[in-house]
């Protein structure tokens, strides 16, 4: 499943950048969820605005890895980044969602998240 959105203002802290996706793992040995995320924040003048992309799994922010992407430009331009997160889950229903972290806040010009489920 792939989800995309276009311009929205995100405040500081962790902000969901898409709606929650429900994954049903029917395998007794569990499943692997692969989240591939791309985000493009910017459009602000604050300096030192650190940003990152994280994954929320079953209500826990920072599941798997949470990547620091760098600093949002302070000249009103945009920067892009991406990462792939691999999560192991037990049999059952799980909720997964991409999150953007901003230390100050910025405009999110666009994003794309792809959620894939694999059975080992």
PDB file of N, CA and C in Angstrom:
ATOM      1  N   UNK A   1       0.846  -1.168   0.000  1.00  0.00           N
ATOM      2  CA  UNK A   1       0.000   0.000   0.000  1.00  0.00           C
ATOM      3  C   UNK A   1       0.892   1.232   0.000  1.00  0.00           C
ATOM      4  N   UNK A   2       0.586   2.176  -0.831  1.00  0.00           N
ATOM      5  CA  UNK A   2       1.353   3.409  -0.918  1.00  0.00           C
ATOM      6  C   UNK A   2       0.428   4.593  -0.677  1.00  0.00           C
ATOM      7  N   UNK A   3       0.904   5.556   0.099  1.00  0.00           N
ATOM      8  CA  UNK A   3       0.104   6.721   0.458  1.00  0.00           C
ATOM      9  C   UNK A   3       0.916   7.973   0.166  1.00  0.00           C
ATOM     10  N   UNK A   4       0.278   9.008  -0.400  1.00  0.00           N
ATOM     11  CA  UNK A   4       0.955  10.275  -0.666  1.00  0.00           C
ATOM     12  C   UNK A   4       0.094  11.444  -0.218  1.00  0.00           C
ATOM     13  N   UNK A   5       0.742  12.543   0.124  1.00  0.00           N
ATOM     14  CA  UNK A   5       0.045  13.767   0.490  1.00  0.00           C
ATOM     15  C   UNK A   5       0.875  14.945   0.021  1.00  0.00           C
ATOM     16  N   UNK A   6       0.221  16.088  -0.113  1.00  0.00           N
ATOM     17  CA  UNK A   6       0.912  17.295  -0.545  1.00  0.00           C
ATOM     18  C   UNK A   6       0.732  18.395   0.493  1.00  0.00           C
ATOM     19  N   UNK A   7       1.279  19.582   0.322  1.00  0.00           N
ATOM     20  CA  UNK A   7       1.560  20.567   1.357  1.00  0.00           C
ATOM     21  C   UNK A   7       0.661  20.616   2.595  1.00  0.00           C
ATOM     22  N   UNK A   8       1.331  20.600   3.740  1.00  0.00           N
ATOM     23  CA  UNK A   8       0.674  20.747   5.040  1.00  0.00           C
ATOM     24  C   UNK A   8       1.718  21.268   6.021  1.00  0.00           C
ATOM     25  N   UNK A   9       1.292  22.063   6.985  1.00  0.00           N
ATOM     26  CA  UNK A   9       2.211  22.577   7.993  1.00  0.00           C
ATOM     27  C   UNK A   9       2.241  21.621   9.178  1.00  0.00           C
ATOM     28  N   UNK A  10       3.439  21.232   9.599  1.00  0.00           N
ATOM     29  CA  UNK A  10       3.624  20.341  10.736  1.00  0.00           C
ATOM     30  C   UNK A  10       4.358  21.100  11.831  1.00  0.00           C
ATOM     31  N   UNK A  11       3.898  20.953  13.058  1.00  0.00           N
ATOM     32  CA  UNK A  11       4.522  21.609  14.197  1.00  0.00           C
ATOM     33  C   UNK A  11       5.748  20.853  14.673  1.00  0.00           C
ATOM     34  N   UNK A  12       6.290  21.285  15.797  1.00  0.00           N
ATOM     35  CA  UNK A  12       7.463  20.611  16.353  1.00  0.00           C
ATOM     36  C   UNK A  12       7.048  19.297  17.002  1.00  0.00           C
ATOM     37  N   UNK A  13       8.016  18.404  17.129  1.00  0.00           N
ATOM     38  CA  UNK A  13       7.757  17.096  17.709  1.00  0.00           C
ATOM     39  C   UNK A  13       7.420  16.081  16.632  1.00  0.00           C
ATOM     40  N   UNK A  14       6.759  15.003  17.036  1.00  0.00           N
ATOM     41  CA  UNK A  14       6.396  13.930  16.124  1.00  0.00           C
ATOM     42  C   UNK A  14       4.994  14.170  15.580  1.00  0.00           C
ATOM     43  N   UNK A  15       4.844  14.120  14.254  1.00  0.00           N
ATOM     44  CA  UNK A  15       3.563  14.317  13.589  1.00  0.00           C
ATOM     45  C   UNK A  15       3.344  13.189  12.596  1.00  0.00           C
ATOM     46  N   UNK A  16       2.189  12.551  12.682  1.00  0.00           N
ATOM     47  CA  UNK A  16       1.846  11.519  11.698  1.00  0.00           C
ATOM     48  C   UNK A  16       1.732  12.177  10.330  1.00  0.00           C
ATOM     49  N   UNK A  17       2.343  11.568   9.329  1.00  0.00           N
ATOM     50  CA  UNK A  17       2.283  12.157   7.990  1.00  0.00           C
ATOM     51  C   UNK A  17       1.361  11.374   7.068  1.00  0.00           C
ATOM     52  N   UNK A  18       0.716  10.365   7.578  1.00  0.00           N
ATOM     53  CA  UNK A  18      -0.307   9.643   6.836  1.00  0.00           C
ATOM     54  C   UNK A  18      -1.261   9.011   7.843  1.00  0.00           C
ATOM     55  N   UNK A  19      -2.312   8.408   7.355  1.00  0.00           N
ATOM     56  CA  UNK A  19      -3.247   7.731   8.238  1.00  0.00           C
ATOM     57  C   UNK A  19      -2.694   6.388   8.662  1.00  0.00           C
ATOM     58  N   UNK A  20      -3.163   5.862   9.791  1.00  0.00           N
ATOM     59  CA  UNK A  20      -2.690   4.553  10.233  1.00  0.00           C
ATOM     60  C   UNK A  20      -3.114   3.455   9.244  1.00  0.00           C
ATOM     61  N   UNK A  21      -2.231   2.490   9.044  1.00  0.00           N
ATOM     62  CA  UNK A  21      -2.479   1.359   8.158  1.00  0.00           C
ATOM     63  C   UNK A  21      -2.556   0.109   9.023  1.00  0.00           C
ATOM     64  N   UNK A  22      -3.625  -0.661   8.868  1.00  0.00           N
ATOM     65  CA  UNK A  22      -3.772  -1.899   9.627  1.00  0.00           C
ATOM     66  C   UNK A  22      -3.239  -3.059   8.812  1.00  0.00           C
ATOM     67  N   UNK A  23      -2.362  -3.833   9.444  1.00  0.00           N
ATOM     68  CA  UNK A  23      -1.752  -5.002   8.807  1.00  0.00           C
ATOM     69  C   UNK A  23      -2.189  -6.229   9.597  1.00  0.00           C
ATOM     70  N   UNK A  24      -2.673  -7.237   8.895  1.00  0.00           N
ATOM     71  CA  UNK A  24      -3.054  -8.475   9.555  1.00  0.00           C
ATOM     72  C   UNK A  24      -2.043  -9.554   9.186  1.00  0.00           C
ATOM     73  N   UNK A  25      -1.253  -9.954  10.164  1.00  0.00           N
ATOM     74  CA  UNK A  25      -0.265 -11.015   9.963  1.00  0.00           C
ATOM     75  C   UNK A  25      -0.924 -12.331  10.355  1.00  0.00           C
ATOM     76  N   UNK A  26      -1.176 -13.176   9.381  1.00  0.00           N
ATOM     77  CA  UNK A  26      -1.834 -14.452   9.637  1.00  0.00           C
ATOM     78  C   UNK A  26      -0.885 -15.614   9.795  1.00  0.00           C
ATOM     79  N   UNK A  27       0.399 -15.357   9.784  1.00  0.00           N
ATOM     80  CA  UNK A  27       1.407 -16.408   9.874  1.00  0.00           C
ATOM     81  C   UNK A  27       1.761 -16.691  11.332  1.00  0.00           C
ATOM     82  N   UNK A  28       1.698 -17.940  11.753  1.00  0.00           N
ATOM     83  CA  UNK A  28       1.995 -18.310  13.144  1.00  0.00           C
ATOM     84  C   UNK A  28       3.405 -17.897  13.561  1.00  0.00           C
ATOM     85  N   UNK A  29       4.352 -17.873  12.622  1.00  0.00           N
ATOM     86  CA  UNK A  29       5.741 -17.516  12.931  1.00  0.00           C
ATOM     87  C   UNK A  29       5.978 -16.008  12.860  1.00  0.00           C
ATOM     88  N   UNK A  30       4.925 -15.226  12.552  1.00  0.00           N
ATOM     89  CA  UNK A  30       5.071 -13.782  12.465  1.00  0.00           C
ATOM     90  C   UNK A  30       5.307 -13.313  11.047  1.00  0.00           C
ATOM     91  N   UNK A  31       5.460 -12.010  10.879  1.00  0.00           N
ATOM     92  CA  UNK A  31       5.651 -11.396   9.575  1.00  0.00           C
ATOM     93  C   UNK A  31       6.695 -10.286   9.676  1.00  0.00           C
ATOM     94  N   UNK A  32       7.111  -9.815   8.522  1.00  0.00           N
ATOM     95  CA  UNK A  32       8.013  -8.668   8.437  1.00  0.00           C
ATOM     96  C   UNK A  32       7.275  -7.556   7.709  1.00  0.00           C
ATOM     97  N   UNK A  33       7.224  -6.379   8.321  1.00  0.00           N
ATOM     98  CA  UNK A  33       6.646  -5.199   7.690  1.00  0.00           C
ATOM     99  C   UNK A  33       7.804  -4.316   7.246  1.00  0.00           C
ATOM    100  N   UNK A  34       7.805  -3.933   5.982  1.00  0.00           N
ATOM    101  CA  UNK A  34       8.834  -3.039   5.455  1.00  0.00           C
ATOM    102  C   UNK A  34       8.164  -1.711   5.123  1.00  0.00           C
ATOM    103  N   UNK A  35       8.664  -0.634   5.738  1.00  0.00           N
ATOM    104  CA  UNK A  35       8.128   0.708   5.523  1.00  0.00           C
ATOM    105  C   UNK A  35       9.184   1.517   4.778  1.00  0.00           C
ATOM    106  N   UNK A  36       8.841   1.989   3.592  1.00  0.00           N
ATOM    107  CA  UNK A  36       9.736   2.848   2.827  1.00  0.00           C
ATOM    108  C   UNK A  36       9.105   4.233   2.804  1.00  0.00           C
ATOM    109  N   UNK A  37       9.800   5.216   3.387  1.00  0.00           N
ATOM    110  CA  UNK A  37       9.246   6.561   3.549  1.00  0.00           C
ATOM    111  C   UNK A  37      10.119   7.610   2.874  1.00  0.00           C
ATOM    112  N   UNK A  38       9.463   8.607   2.292  1.00  0.00           N
ATOM    113  CA  UNK A  38      10.109   9.769   1.687  1.00  0.00           C
ATOM    114  C   UNK A  38       9.366  10.992   2.203  1.00  0.00           C
ATOM    115  N   UNK A  39      10.092  12.048   2.577  1.00  0.00           N
ATOM    116  CA  UNK A  39       9.457  13.292   3.021  1.00  0.00           C
ATOM    117  C   UNK A  39      10.281  14.481   2.538  1.00  0.00           C
ATOM    118  N   UNK A  40       9.602  15.627   2.343  1.00  0.00           N
ATOM    119  CA  UNK A  40      10.255  16.843   1.856  1.00  0.00           C
ATOM    120  C   UNK A  40       9.772  18.057   2.672  1.00  0.00           C
ATOM    121  N   UNK A  41      10.409  18.304   3.842  1.00  0.00           N
ATOM    122  CA  UNK A  41      10.038  19.464   4.652  1.00  0.00           C
ATOM    123  C   UNK A  41      10.829  20.714   4.268  1.00  0.00           C
ATOM    124  N   UNK A  42      10.323  21.874   4.654  1.00  0.00           N
ATOM    125  CA  UNK A  42      11.031  23.137   4.406  1.00  0.00           C
ATOM    126  C   UNK A  42      10.068  24.302   4.485  1.00  0.00           C
ATOM    127  N   UNK A  43      10.375  25.349   3.695  1.00  0.00           N
ATOM    128  CA  UNK A  43       9.505  26.509   3.616  1.00  0.00           C
ATOM    129  C   UNK A  43       9.482  27.366   4.858  1.00  0.00           C
ATOM    130  N   UNK A  44      10.572  27.371   5.625  1.00  0.00           N
ATOM    131  CA  UNK A  44      10.592  28.169   6.859  1.00  0.00           C
ATOM    132  C   UNK A  44      11.935  28.870   7.019  1.00  0.00           C
ATOM    133  N   UNK A  45      12.023  29.758   8.008  1.00  0.00           N
ATOM    134  CA  UNK A  45      13.235  30.569   8.173  1.00  0.00           C
ATOM    135  C   UNK A  45      13.994  30.301   9.467  1.00  0.00           C
ATOM    136  N   UNK A  46      13.529  29.374  10.293  1.00  0.00           N
ATOM    137  CA  UNK A  46      14.249  29.033  11.532  1.00  0.00           C
ATOM    138  C   UNK A  46      15.533  28.293  11.195  1.00  0.00           C
ATOM    139  N   UNK A  47      16.584  28.565  11.944  1.00  0.00           N
ATOM    140  CA  UNK A  47      17.834  27.837  11.714  1.00  0.00           C
ATOM    141  C   UNK A  47      17.954  26.710  12.732  1.00  0.00           C
ATOM    142  N   UNK A  48      18.605  25.639  12.327  1.00  0.00           N
ATOM    143  CA  UNK A  48      18.838  24.513  13.224  1.00  0.00           C
ATOM    144  C   UNK A  48      17.646  23.612  13.441  1.00  0.00           C
ATOM    145  N   UNK A  49      16.667  23.630  12.534  1.00  0.00           N
ATOM    146  CA  UNK A  49      15.477  22.796  12.662  1.00  0.00           C
ATOM    147  C   UNK A  49      15.810  21.365  12.246  1.00  0.00           C
ATOM    148  N   UNK A  50      16.136  20.519  13.223  1.00  0.00           N
ATOM    149  CA  UNK A  50      16.471  19.126  12.948  1.00  0.00           C
ATOM    150  C   UNK A  50      15.215  18.371  12.530  1.00  0.00           C
ATOM    151  N   UNK A  51      15.410  17.390  11.641  1.00  0.00           N
ATOM    152  CA  UNK A  51      14.260  16.608  11.216  1.00  0.00           C
ATOM    153  C   UNK A  51      14.627  15.156  11.012  1.00  0.00           C
ATOM    154  N   UNK A  52      13.619  14.304  11.086  1.00  0.00           N
ATOM    155  CA  UNK A  52      13.822  12.879  10.892  1.00  0.00           C
ATOM    156  C   UNK A  52      12.526  12.199  10.500  1.00  0.00           C
ATOM    157  N   UNK A  53      12.643  10.960  10.067  1.00  0.00           N
ATOM    158  CA  UNK A  53      11.489  10.146   9.699  1.00  0.00           C
ATOM    159  C   UNK A  53      11.472   8.934  10.625  1.00  0.00           C
ATOM    160  N   UNK A  54      10.304   8.663  11.192  1.00  0.00           N
ATOM    161  CA  UNK A  54      10.158   7.560  12.130  1.00  0.00           C
ATOM    162  C   UNK A  54       8.952   6.706  11.754  1.00  0.00           C
ATOM    163  N   UNK A  55       8.832   5.563  12.397  1.00  0.00           N
ATOM    164  CA  UNK A  55       7.686   4.686  12.199  1.00  0.00           C
ATOM    165  C   UNK A  55       7.013   4.441  13.539  1.00  0.00           C
ATOM    166  N   UNK A  56       5.695   4.549  13.546  1.00  0.00           N
ATOM    167  CA  UNK A  56       4.888   4.238  14.721  1.00  0.00           C
ATOM    168  C   UNK A  56       4.294   2.856  14.488  1.00  0.00           C
ATOM    169  N   UNK A  57       4.585   1.920  15.378  1.00  0.00           N
ATOM    170  CA  UNK A  57       4.052   0.563  15.287  1.00  0.00           C
ATOM    171  C   UNK A  57       3.253   0.288  16.542  1.00  0.00           C
ATOM    172  N   UNK A  58       1.977   0.035  16.379  1.00  0.00           N
ATOM    173  CA  UNK A  58       1.089  -0.285  17.496  1.00  0.00           C
ATOM    174  C   UNK A  58       1.155   0.769  18.599  1.00  0.00           C
ATOM    175  N   UNK A  59       1.233   2.039  18.191  1.00  0.00           N
ATOM    176  CA  UNK A  59       1.231   3.144  19.143  1.00  0.00           C
ATOM    177  C   UNK A  59       2.583   3.517  19.712  1.00  0.00           C
ATOM    178  N   UNK A  60       3.652   2.864  19.280  1.00  0.00           N
ATOM    179  CA  UNK A  60       5.003   3.143  19.780  1.00  0.00           C
ATOM    180  C   UNK A  60       5.780   3.902  18.710  1.00  0.00           C
ATOM    181  N   UNK A  61       6.096   5.177  18.981  1.00  0.00           N
ATOM    182  CA  UNK A  61       6.892   5.983  18.046  1.00  0.00           C
ATOM    183  C   UNK A  61       8.342   5.514  18.105  1.00  0.00           C
ATOM    184  N   UNK A  62       8.974   5.444  16.959  1.00  0.00           N
ATOM    185  CA  UNK A  62      10.386   5.054  16.910  1.00  0.00           C
ATOM    186  C   UNK A  62      10.590   3.558  16.880  1.00  0.00           C
ATOM    187  N   UNK A  63       9.572   2.808  16.445  1.00  0.00           N
ATOM    188  CA  UNK A  63       9.722   1.359  16.317  1.00  0.00           C
ATOM    189  C   UNK A  63      10.765   1.073  15.242  1.00  0.00           C
ATOM    190  N   UNK A  64      11.533   0.031  15.446  1.00  0.00           N
ATOM    191  CA  UNK A  64      12.606  -0.280  14.490  1.00  0.00           C
ATOM    192  C   UNK A  64      13.680   0.770  14.611  1.00  0.00           C
ATOM    193  N   UNK A  65      13.826   1.579  13.572  1.00  0.00           N
ATOM    194  CA  UNK A  65      14.788   2.675  13.622  1.00  0.00           C
ATOM    195  C   UNK A  65      14.058   3.990  13.384  1.00  0.00           C
ATOM    196  N   UNK A  66      14.637   5.054  13.851  1.00  0.00           N
ATOM    197  CA  UNK A  66      14.109   6.406  13.663  1.00  0.00           C
ATOM    198  C   UNK A  66      15.299   7.213  13.152  1.00  0.00           C
ATOM    199  N   UNK A  67      15.254   7.643  11.898  1.00  0.00           N
ATOM    200  CA  UNK A  67      16.439   8.220  11.282  1.00  0.00           C
ATOM    201  C   UNK A  67      16.491   9.741  11.366  1.00  0.00           C
ATOM    202  N   UNK A  68      17.617  10.269  11.813  1.00  0.00           N
ATOM    203  CA  UNK A  68      17.897  11.700  11.763  1.00  0.00           C
ATOM    204  C   UNK A  68      18.311  12.003  10.341  1.00  0.00           C
ATOM    205  N   UNK A  69      17.605  12.933   9.683  1.00  0.00           N
ATOM    206  CA  UNK A  69      17.877  13.233   8.280  1.00  0.00           C
ATOM    207  C   UNK A  69      18.777  14.447   8.086  1.00  0.00           C
ATOM    208  N   UNK A  70      18.847  15.320   9.085  1.00  0.00           N
ATOM    209  CA  UNK A  70      19.669  16.521   8.953  1.00  0.00           C
ATOM    210  C   UNK A  70      18.934  17.741   9.460  1.00  0.00           C
ATOM    211  N   UNK A  71      19.179  18.885   8.839  1.00  0.00           N
ATOM    212  CA  UNK A  71      18.588  20.152   9.257  1.00  0.00           C
ATOM    213  C   UNK A  71      17.800  20.742   8.085  1.00  0.00           C
ATOM    214  N   UNK A  72      16.593  21.239   8.362  1.00  0.00           N
ATOM    215  CA  UNK A  72      15.761  21.878   7.344  1.00  0.00           C
ATOM    216  C   UNK A  72      16.403  23.211   6.970  1.00  0.00           C
ATOM    217  N   UNK A  73      16.486  23.546   5.675  1.00  0.00           N
ATOM    218  CA  UNK A  73      17.085  24.821   5.270  1.00  0.00           C
ATOM    219  C   UNK A  73      16.338  26.012   5.881  1.00  0.00           C
ATOM    220  N   UNK A  74      17.069  27.077   6.178  1.00  0.00           N
ATOM    221  CA  UNK A  74      16.455  28.272   6.780  1.00  0.00           C
ATOM    222  C   UNK A  74      16.168  29.358   5.746  1.00  0.00           C
ATOM    223  N   UNK A  75      16.350  29.036   4.466  1.00  0.00           N
ATOM    224  CA  UNK A  75      16.134  30.034   3.409  1.00  0.00           C
ATOM    225  C   UNK A  75      14.791  29.868   2.698  1.00  0.00           C
ATOM    226  N   UNK A  76      13.886  29.084   3.275  1.00  0.00           N
ATOM    227  CA  UNK A  76      12.573  28.874   2.685  1.00  0.00           C
ATOM    228  C   UNK A  76      12.522  27.755   1.659  1.00  0.00           C
ATOM    229  N   UNK A  77      13.667  27.148   1.352  1.00  0.00           N
ATOM    230  CA  UNK A  77      13.675  26.047   0.386  1.00  0.00           C
ATOM    231  C   UNK A  77      13.328  24.727   1.100  1.00  0.00           C
ATOM    232  N   UNK A  78      13.360  23.662   0.359  1.00  0.00           N
ATOM    233  CA  UNK A  78      12.977  22.346   0.880  1.00  0.00           C
ATOM    234  C   UNK A  78      14.131  21.373   0.757  1.00  0.00           C
ATOM    235  N   UNK A  79      14.079  20.327   1.585  1.00  0.00           N
ATOM    236  CA  UNK A  79      15.080  19.267   1.555  1.00  0.00           C
ATOM    237  C   UNK A  79      14.325  17.942   1.570  1.00  0.00           C
ATOM    238  N   UNK A  80      14.887  16.936   0.953  1.00  0.00           N
ATOM    239  CA  UNK A  80      14.202  15.653   0.934  1.00  0.00           C
ATOM    240  C   UNK A  80      15.075  14.576   1.554  1.00  0.00           C
ATOM    241  N   UNK A  81      14.419  13.554   2.056  1.00  0.00           N
ATOM    242  CA  UNK A  81      15.113  12.422   2.644  1.00  0.00           C
ATOM    243  C   UNK A  81      14.220  11.201   2.600  1.00  0.00           C
ATOM    244  N   UNK A  82      14.837  10.040   2.767  1.00  0.00           N
ATOM    245  CA  UNK A  82      14.073   8.800   2.758  1.00  0.00           C
ATOM    246  C   UNK A  82      14.760   7.752   3.616  1.00  0.00           C
ATOM    247  N   UNK A  83      14.015   6.721   3.947  1.00  0.00           N
ATOM    248  CA  UNK A  83      14.608   5.583   4.636  1.00  0.00           C
ATOM    249  C   UNK A  83      13.685   4.382   4.539  1.00  0.00           C
ATOM    250  N   UNK A  84      14.248   3.213   4.799  1.00  0.00           N
ATOM    251  CA  UNK A  84      13.484   1.975   4.821  1.00  0.00           C
ATOM    252  C   UNK A  84      13.619   1.370   6.207  1.00  0.00           C
ATOM    253  N   UNK A  85      12.486   1.036   6.801  1.00  0.00           N
ATOM    254  CA  UNK A  85      12.442   0.467   8.144  1.00  0.00           C
ATOM    255  C   UNK A  85      11.906  -0.953   8.034  1.00  0.00           C
ATOM    256  N   UNK A  86      12.568  -1.909   8.675  1.00  0.00           N
ATOM    257  CA  UNK A  86      12.158  -3.310   8.647  1.00  0.00           C
ATOM    258  C   UNK A  86      11.733  -3.700  10.060  1.00  0.00           C
ATOM    259  N   UNK A  87      10.477  -4.140  10.189  1.00  0.00           N
ATOM    260  CA  UNK A  87       9.898  -4.440  11.500  1.00  0.00           C
ATOM    261  C   UNK A  87       9.392  -5.883  11.553  1.00  0.00           C
ATOM    262  N   UNK A  88       9.760  -6.608  12.581  1.00  0.00           N
ATOM    263  CA  UNK A  88       9.247  -7.963  12.786  1.00  0.00           C
ATOM    264  C   UNK A  88       8.057  -7.895  13.729  1.00  0.00           C
ATOM    265  N   UNK A  89       6.961  -8.557  13.351  1.00  0.00           N
ATOM    266  CA  UNK A  89       5.758  -8.549  14.181  1.00  0.00           C
ATOM    267  C   UNK A  89       5.246  -9.968  14.385  1.00  0.00           C
ATOM    268  N   UNK A  90       4.535 -10.158  15.484  1.00  0.00           N
ATOM    269  CA  UNK A  90       3.917 -11.445  15.791  1.00  0.00           C
ATOM    270  C   UNK A  90       2.608 -11.590  15.022  1.00  0.00           C
ATOM    271  N   UNK A  91       2.073 -12.790  14.992  1.00  0.00           N
ATOM    272  CA  UNK A  91       0.786 -13.042  14.350  1.00  0.00           C
ATOM    273  C   UNK A  91      -0.275 -12.142  14.983  1.00  0.00           C
ATOM    274  N   UNK A  92      -1.171 -11.589  14.143  1.00  0.00           N
ATOM    275  CA  UNK A  92      -2.251 -10.742  14.624  1.00  0.00           C
ATOM    276  C   UNK A  92      -2.320  -9.437  13.874  1.00  0.00           C
ATOM    277  N   UNK A  93      -3.217  -8.569  14.323  1.00  0.00           N
ATOM    278  CA  UNK A  93      -3.390  -7.256  13.694  1.00  0.00           C
ATOM    279  C   UNK A  93      -2.428  -6.249  14.292  1.00  0.00           C
ATOM    280  N   UNK A  94      -1.866  -5.410  13.419  1.00  0.00           N
ATOM    281  CA  UNK A  94      -0.925  -4.372  13.834  1.00  0.00           C
ATOM    282  C   UNK A  94      -1.251  -3.085  13.090  1.00  0.00           C
ATOM    283  N   UNK A  95      -0.965  -1.958  13.738  1.00  0.00           N
ATOM    284  CA  UNK A  95      -1.158  -0.653  13.119  1.00  0.00           C
ATOM    285  C   UNK A  95       0.210  -0.020  12.905  1.00  0.00           C
ATOM    286  N   UNK A  96       0.447   0.461  11.690  1.00  0.00           N
ATOM    287  CA  UNK A  96       1.730   1.079  11.350  1.00  0.00           C
ATOM    288  C   UNK A  96       1.459   2.432  10.701  1.00  0.00           C
ATOM    289  N   UNK A  97       2.352   3.399  10.975  1.00  0.00           N
ATOM    290  CA  UNK A  97       2.148   4.758  10.478  1.00  0.00           C
ATOM    291  C   UNK A  97       3.491   5.479  10.441  1.00  0.00           C
ATOM    292  N   UNK A  98       3.728   6.255   9.384  1.00  0.00           N
ATOM    293  CA  UNK A  98       4.956   7.052   9.276  1.00  0.00           C
ATOM    294  C   UNK A  98       4.796   8.340  10.071  1.00  0.00           C
ATOM    295  N   UNK A  99       5.885   8.788  10.695  1.00  0.00           N
ATOM    296  CA  UNK A  99       5.887  10.015  11.483  1.00  0.00           C
ATOM    297  C   UNK A  99       7.062  10.884  11.057  1.00  0.00           C
ATOM    298  N   UNK A 100       6.833  12.195  11.048  1.00  0.00           N
ATOM    299  CA  UNK A 100       7.888  13.165  10.769  1.00  0.00           C
ATOM    300  C   UNK A 100       8.257  13.829  12.087  1.00  0.00           C
ATOM    301  N   UNK A 101       9.553  13.917  12.365  1.00  0.00           N
ATOM    302  CA  UNK A 101      10.010  14.649  13.550  1.00  0.00           C
ATOM    303  C   UNK A 101      10.602  15.974  13.092  1.00  0.00           C
ATOM    304  N   UNK A 102      10.178  17.065  13.720  1.00  0.00           N
ATOM    305  CA  UNK A 102      10.739  18.396  13.485  1.00  0.00           C
ATOM    306  C   UNK A 102      11.022  19.034  14.834  1.00  0.00           C
ATOM    307  N   UNK A 103      12.214  19.615  15.006  1.00  0.00           N
ATOM    308  CA  UNK A 103      12.515  20.265  16.284  1.00  0.00           C
ATOM    309  C   UNK A 103      11.846  21.628  16.389  1.00  0.00           C
ATOM    310  N   UNK A 104      11.552  22.273  15.252  1.00  0.00           N
ATOM    311  CA  UNK A 104      10.928  23.600  15.265  1.00  0.00           C
ATOM    312  C   UNK A 104       9.565  23.583  14.579  1.00  0.00           C
ATOM    313  N   UNK A 105       9.446  22.940  13.461  1.00  0.00           N
ATOM    314  CA  UNK A 105       8.226  22.928  12.657  1.00  0.00           C
ATOM    315  C   UNK A 105       8.537  23.442  11.267  1.00  0.00           C
ATOM    316  N   UNK A 106       7.795  22.969  10.286  1.00  0.00           N
ATOM    317  CA  UNK A 106       8.029  23.346   8.894  1.00  0.00           C
ATOM    318  C   UNK A 106       6.823  22.937   8.065  1.00  0.00           C
ATOM    319  N   UNK A 107       6.876  23.263   6.782  1.00  0.00           N
ATOM    320  CA  UNK A 107       5.853  22.815   5.851  1.00  0.00           C
ATOM    321  C   UNK A 107       6.326  21.510   5.217  1.00  0.00           C
ATOM    322  N   UNK A 108       5.452  20.546   5.163  1.00  0.00           N
ATOM    323  CA  UNK A 108       5.768  19.292   4.492  1.00  0.00           C
ATOM    324  C   UNK A 108       5.220  19.409   3.073  1.00  0.00           C
ATOM    325  N   UNK A 109       6.121  19.573   2.091  1.00  0.00           N
ATOM    326  CA  UNK A 109       5.714  19.800   0.707  1.00  0.00           C
ATOM    327  C   UNK A 109       5.069  18.555   0.109  1.00  0.00           C
ATOM    328  N   UNK A 110       5.665  17.410   0.374  1.00  0.00           N
ATOM    329  CA  UNK A 110       5.114  16.157  -0.125  1.00  0.00           C
ATOM    330  C   UNK A 110       5.761  15.001   0.615  1.00  0.00           C
ATOM    331  N   UNK A 111       5.137  13.848   0.500  1.00  0.00           N
ATOM    332  CA  UNK A 111       5.701  12.639   1.081  1.00  0.00           C
ATOM    333  C   UNK A 111       5.149  11.436   0.338  1.00  0.00           C
ATOM    334  N   UNK A 112       5.771  10.310   0.556  1.00  0.00           N
ATOM    335  CA  UNK A 112       5.290   9.045   0.021  1.00  0.00           C
ATOM    336  C   UNK A 112       5.717   7.947   0.985  1.00  0.00           C
ATOM    337  N   UNK A 113       4.791   7.076   1.331  1.00  0.00           N
ATOM    338  CA  UNK A 113       5.084   5.933   2.196  1.00  0.00           C
ATOM    339  C   UNK A 113       4.552   4.673   1.539  1.00  0.00           C
ATOM    340  N   UNK A 114       5.363   3.631   1.531  1.00  0.00           N
ATOM    341  CA  UNK A 114       4.938   2.343   1.008  1.00  0.00           C
ATOM    342  C   UNK A 114       5.084   1.318   2.115  1.00  0.00           C
ATOM    343  N   UNK A 115       4.013   0.570   2.375  1.00  0.00           N
ATOM    344  CA  UNK A 115       3.990  -0.458   3.407  1.00  0.00           C
ATOM    345  C   UNK A 115       3.872  -1.819   2.730  1.00  0.00           C
ATOM    346  N   UNK A 116       4.808  -2.715   3.014  1.00  0.00           N
ATOM    347  CA  UNK A 116       4.804  -4.059   2.445  1.00  0.00           C
ATOM    348  C   UNK A 116       4.856  -5.071   3.578  1.00  0.00           C
ATOM    349  N   UNK A 117       4.166  -6.187   3.413  1.00  0.00           N
ATOM    350  CA  UNK A 117       4.153  -7.243   4.428  1.00  0.00           C
ATOM    351  C   UNK A 117       4.692  -8.515   3.802  1.00  0.00           C
ATOM    352  N   UNK A 118       5.632  -9.149   4.494  1.00  0.00           N
ATOM    353  CA  UNK A 118       6.253 -10.369   4.012  1.00  0.00           C
ATOM    354  C   UNK A 118       6.109 -11.471   5.051  1.00  0.00           C
ATOM    355  N   UNK A 119       5.906 -12.686   4.571  1.00  0.00           N
ATOM    356  CA  UNK A 119       5.845 -13.848   5.452  1.00  0.00           C
ATOM    357  C   UNK A 119       7.143 -14.621   5.257  1.00  0.00           C
ATOM    358  N   UNK A 120       7.885 -14.843   6.365  1.00  0.00           N
ATOM    359  CA  UNK A 120       9.182 -15.540   6.234  1.00  0.00           C
ATOM    360  C   UNK A 120       9.014 -16.994   5.801  1.00  0.00           C
TER     361      UNK A 120
END
